[in-house]
């Protein structure tokens, strides 16, 4: 049984109070929720040489769950994309497909931009 009040160890220095790993190797910070829950779906073309990219922001998910959902969205749309900085980018204008899948997954979302 772990001592949950342990915050410092002479071997490892400061410890995370939740996972009890050294602060530099904290396991729980990697699993923190990224988004604020206000899911926005936008079409961005600025800085992308005129190519449209569907960007989904605000999803209240962990990094791993965000990557899994990104893969599912890319498969649904049949295009490439990326997950970076807490947002999912899908190539092309796929806002309606993305909105439909997010609602099916239980996220209420809003279309923004042009």
C-alpha atoms as a PDB file:
ATOM      1  CA  UNK A   1       0.000   0.000   0.000  1.00  0.00           C
ATOM      2  CA  UNK A   2       1.359   3.430  -0.968  1.00  0.00           C
ATOM      3  CA  UNK A   3       1.726   6.325   1.402  1.00  0.00           C
ATOM      4  CA  UNK A   4      -0.315   9.031  -0.349  1.00  0.00           C
ATOM      5  CA  UNK A   5       1.156  11.848   1.740  1.00  0.00           C
ATOM      6  CA  UNK A   6       4.694  11.278   0.437  1.00  0.00           C
ATOM      7  CA  UNK A   7       5.817  14.378  -1.499  1.00  0.00           C
ATOM      8  CA  UNK A   8       9.620  14.139  -1.258  1.00  0.00           C
ATOM      9  CA  UNK A   9      12.122  11.325  -1.412  1.00  0.00           C
ATOM     10  CA  UNK A  10      15.847  11.678  -0.728  1.00  0.00           C
ATOM     11  CA  UNK A  11      16.501   9.272  -3.613  1.00  0.00           C
ATOM     12  CA  UNK A  12      14.403  11.019  -6.252  1.00  0.00           C
ATOM     13  CA  UNK A  13      13.613  14.534  -5.036  1.00  0.00           C
ATOM     14  CA  UNK A  14      10.099  15.992  -5.316  1.00  0.00           C
ATOM     15  CA  UNK A  15       7.344  13.502  -6.081  1.00  0.00           C
ATOM     16  CA  UNK A  16       3.963  13.931  -7.707  1.00  0.00           C
ATOM     17  CA  UNK A  17       1.279  13.615  -4.996  1.00  0.00           C
ATOM     18  CA  UNK A  18      -0.996  11.613  -7.317  1.00  0.00           C
ATOM     19  CA  UNK A  19       1.229   9.005  -8.983  1.00  0.00           C
ATOM     20  CA  UNK A  20       4.222   9.269  -6.578  1.00  0.00           C
ATOM     21  CA  UNK A  21       6.741   9.343  -9.444  1.00  0.00           C
ATOM     22  CA  UNK A  22       9.460  12.025  -9.613  1.00  0.00           C
ATOM     23  CA  UNK A  23       8.044  15.299 -10.967  1.00  0.00           C
ATOM     24  CA  UNK A  24      10.140  15.002 -14.160  1.00  0.00           C
ATOM     25  CA  UNK A  25       8.694  11.513 -14.826  1.00  0.00           C
ATOM     26  CA  UNK A  26       5.117  12.157 -13.646  1.00  0.00           C
ATOM     27  CA  UNK A  27       2.684   9.633 -15.144  1.00  0.00           C
ATOM     28  CA  UNK A  28      -0.554  11.454 -14.384  1.00  0.00           C
ATOM     29  CA  UNK A  29       0.303  14.756 -16.139  1.00  0.00           C
ATOM     30  CA  UNK A  30       0.422  12.869 -19.449  1.00  0.00           C
ATOM     31  CA  UNK A  31      -3.158  11.777 -18.914  1.00  0.00           C
ATOM     32  CA  UNK A  32      -4.670  15.154 -18.061  1.00  0.00           C
ATOM     33  CA  UNK A  33      -7.657  16.430 -20.016  1.00  0.00           C
ATOM     34  CA  UNK A  34      -6.602  18.967 -22.634  1.00  0.00           C
ATOM     35  CA  UNK A  35      -9.712  20.757 -23.978  1.00  0.00           C
ATOM     36  CA  UNK A  36     -12.168  23.031 -22.233  1.00  0.00           C
ATOM     37  CA  UNK A  37     -15.301  21.199 -23.412  1.00  0.00           C
ATOM     38  CA  UNK A  38     -16.399  23.903 -25.868  1.00  0.00           C
ATOM     39  CA  UNK A  39     -15.945  21.939 -29.105  1.00  0.00           C
ATOM     40  CA  UNK A  40     -15.475  24.131 -32.195  1.00  0.00           C
ATOM     41  CA  UNK A  41     -15.125  22.923 -35.783  1.00  0.00           C
ATOM     42  CA  UNK A  42     -13.548  25.448 -38.154  1.00  0.00           C
ATOM     43  CA  UNK A  43     -12.216  25.571 -41.698  1.00  0.00           C
ATOM     44  CA  UNK A  44      -8.790  27.197 -41.892  1.00  0.00           C
ATOM     45  CA  UNK A  45      -6.984  28.183 -45.080  1.00  0.00           C
ATOM     46  CA  UNK A  46      -4.649  30.870 -43.758  1.00  0.00           C
ATOM     47  CA  UNK A  47      -0.988  29.913 -43.940  1.00  0.00           C
ATOM     48  CA  UNK A  48      -1.758  26.679 -45.783  1.00  0.00           C
ATOM     49  CA  UNK A  49      -1.230  27.829 -49.386  1.00  0.00           C
ATOM     50  CA  UNK A  50      -4.978  28.003 -50.021  1.00  0.00           C
ATOM     51  CA  UNK A  51      -5.674  24.434 -48.940  1.00  0.00           C
ATOM     52  CA  UNK A  52      -8.575  24.052 -46.539  1.00  0.00           C
ATOM     53  CA  UNK A  53      -8.120  22.171 -43.279  1.00  0.00           C
ATOM     54  CA  UNK A  54     -10.883  21.248 -40.837  1.00  0.00           C
ATOM     55  CA  UNK A  55      -9.695  22.046 -37.300  1.00  0.00           C
ATOM     56  CA  UNK A  56     -11.409  20.656 -34.181  1.00  0.00           C
ATOM     57  CA  UNK A  57     -10.572  22.377 -30.887  1.00  0.00           C
ATOM     58  CA  UNK A  58     -11.781  22.180 -27.291  1.00  0.00           C
ATOM     59  CA  UNK A  59     -12.323  18.420 -27.033  1.00  0.00           C
ATOM     60  CA  UNK A  60     -12.214  17.445 -23.333  1.00  0.00           C
ATOM     61  CA  UNK A  61      -9.982  14.390 -23.871  1.00  0.00           C
ATOM     62  CA  UNK A  62      -6.557  13.133 -22.862  1.00  0.00           C
ATOM     63  CA  UNK A  63      -3.729  13.125 -25.410  1.00  0.00           C
ATOM     64  CA  UNK A  64      -4.156   9.396 -26.091  1.00  0.00           C
ATOM     65  CA  UNK A  65      -7.934   9.658 -26.527  1.00  0.00           C
ATOM     66  CA  UNK A  66      -7.431  12.655 -28.830  1.00  0.00           C
ATOM     67  CA  UNK A  67      -5.081  10.629 -31.050  1.00  0.00           C
ATOM     68  CA  UNK A  68      -7.580   7.749 -31.178  1.00  0.00           C
ATOM     69  CA  UNK A  69     -10.425  10.070 -32.153  1.00  0.00           C
ATOM     70  CA  UNK A  70      -8.184  11.779 -34.731  1.00  0.00           C
ATOM     71  CA  UNK A  71      -7.462   8.429 -36.350  1.00  0.00           C
ATOM     72  CA  UNK A  72     -11.182   7.613 -36.429  1.00  0.00           C
ATOM     73  CA  UNK A  73     -11.981  10.983 -38.035  1.00  0.00           C
ATOM     74  CA  UNK A  74      -9.249  10.590 -40.669  1.00  0.00           C
ATOM     75  CA  UNK A  75     -10.587   7.133 -41.549  1.00  0.00           C
ATOM     76  CA  UNK A  76     -14.170   8.434 -41.802  1.00  0.00           C
ATOM     77  CA  UNK A  77     -13.173  11.322 -44.059  1.00  0.00           C
ATOM     78  CA  UNK A  78     -10.703   9.276 -46.100  1.00  0.00           C
ATOM     79  CA  UNK A  79      -8.014  11.944 -45.789  1.00  0.00           C
ATOM     80  CA  UNK A  80      -4.868  12.690 -43.857  1.00  0.00           C
ATOM     81  CA  UNK A  81      -4.540  14.882 -40.847  1.00  0.00           C
ATOM     82  CA  UNK A  82      -2.709  15.466 -37.599  1.00  0.00           C
ATOM     83  CA  UNK A  83      -3.201  15.809 -33.863  1.00  0.00           C
ATOM     84  CA  UNK A  84      -1.112  18.618 -32.419  1.00  0.00           C
ATOM     85  CA  UNK A  85      -1.289  21.164 -29.630  1.00  0.00           C
ATOM     86  CA  UNK A  86      -4.549  19.748 -28.325  1.00  0.00           C
ATOM     87  CA  UNK A  87      -6.429  20.037 -31.611  1.00  0.00           C
ATOM     88  CA  UNK A  88      -7.247  17.705 -34.473  1.00  0.00           C
ATOM     89  CA  UNK A  89      -6.605  18.778 -38.068  1.00  0.00           C
ATOM     90  CA  UNK A  90      -8.288  16.943 -40.956  1.00  0.00           C
ATOM     91  CA  UNK A  91      -7.334  17.779 -44.542  1.00  0.00           C
ATOM     92  CA  UNK A  92     -10.089  19.299 -46.672  1.00  0.00           C
ATOM     93  CA  UNK A  93     -13.509  20.713 -45.828  1.00  0.00           C
ATOM     94  CA  UNK A  94     -15.043  17.845 -43.841  1.00  0.00           C
ATOM     95  CA  UNK A  95     -16.905  19.889 -41.237  1.00  0.00           C
ATOM     96  CA  UNK A  96     -20.280  18.167 -41.703  1.00  0.00           C
ATOM     97  CA  UNK A  97     -18.818  14.639 -41.490  1.00  0.00           C
ATOM     98  CA  UNK A  98     -16.777  15.593 -38.425  1.00  0.00           C
ATOM     99  CA  UNK A  99     -19.793  17.191 -36.718  1.00  0.00           C
ATOM    100  CA  UNK A 100     -21.911  14.081 -37.363  1.00  0.00           C
ATOM    101  CA  UNK A 101     -19.286  11.743 -35.902  1.00  0.00           C
ATOM    102  CA  UNK A 102     -18.668  13.949 -32.868  1.00  0.00           C
ATOM    103  CA  UNK A 103     -22.390  14.068 -32.087  1.00  0.00           C
ATOM    104  CA  UNK A 104     -22.543  10.285 -32.459  1.00  0.00           C
ATOM    105  CA  UNK A 105     -19.633  10.061 -29.964  1.00  0.00           C
ATOM    106  CA  UNK A 106     -21.543  12.280 -27.521  1.00  0.00           C
ATOM    107  CA  UNK A 107     -19.839  15.662 -28.027  1.00  0.00           C
ATOM    108  CA  UNK A 108     -21.967  18.713 -28.770  1.00  0.00           C
ATOM    109  CA  UNK A 109     -20.097  20.873 -31.257  1.00  0.00           C
ATOM    110  CA  UNK A 110     -20.442  24.133 -33.121  1.00  0.00           C
ATOM    111  CA  UNK A 111     -19.354  25.099 -36.638  1.00  0.00           C
ATOM    112  CA  UNK A 112     -17.341  28.321 -36.781  1.00  0.00           C
ATOM    113  CA  UNK A 113     -15.703  30.386 -39.504  1.00  0.00           C
ATOM    114  CA  UNK A 114     -16.389  30.460 -43.233  1.00  0.00           C
END
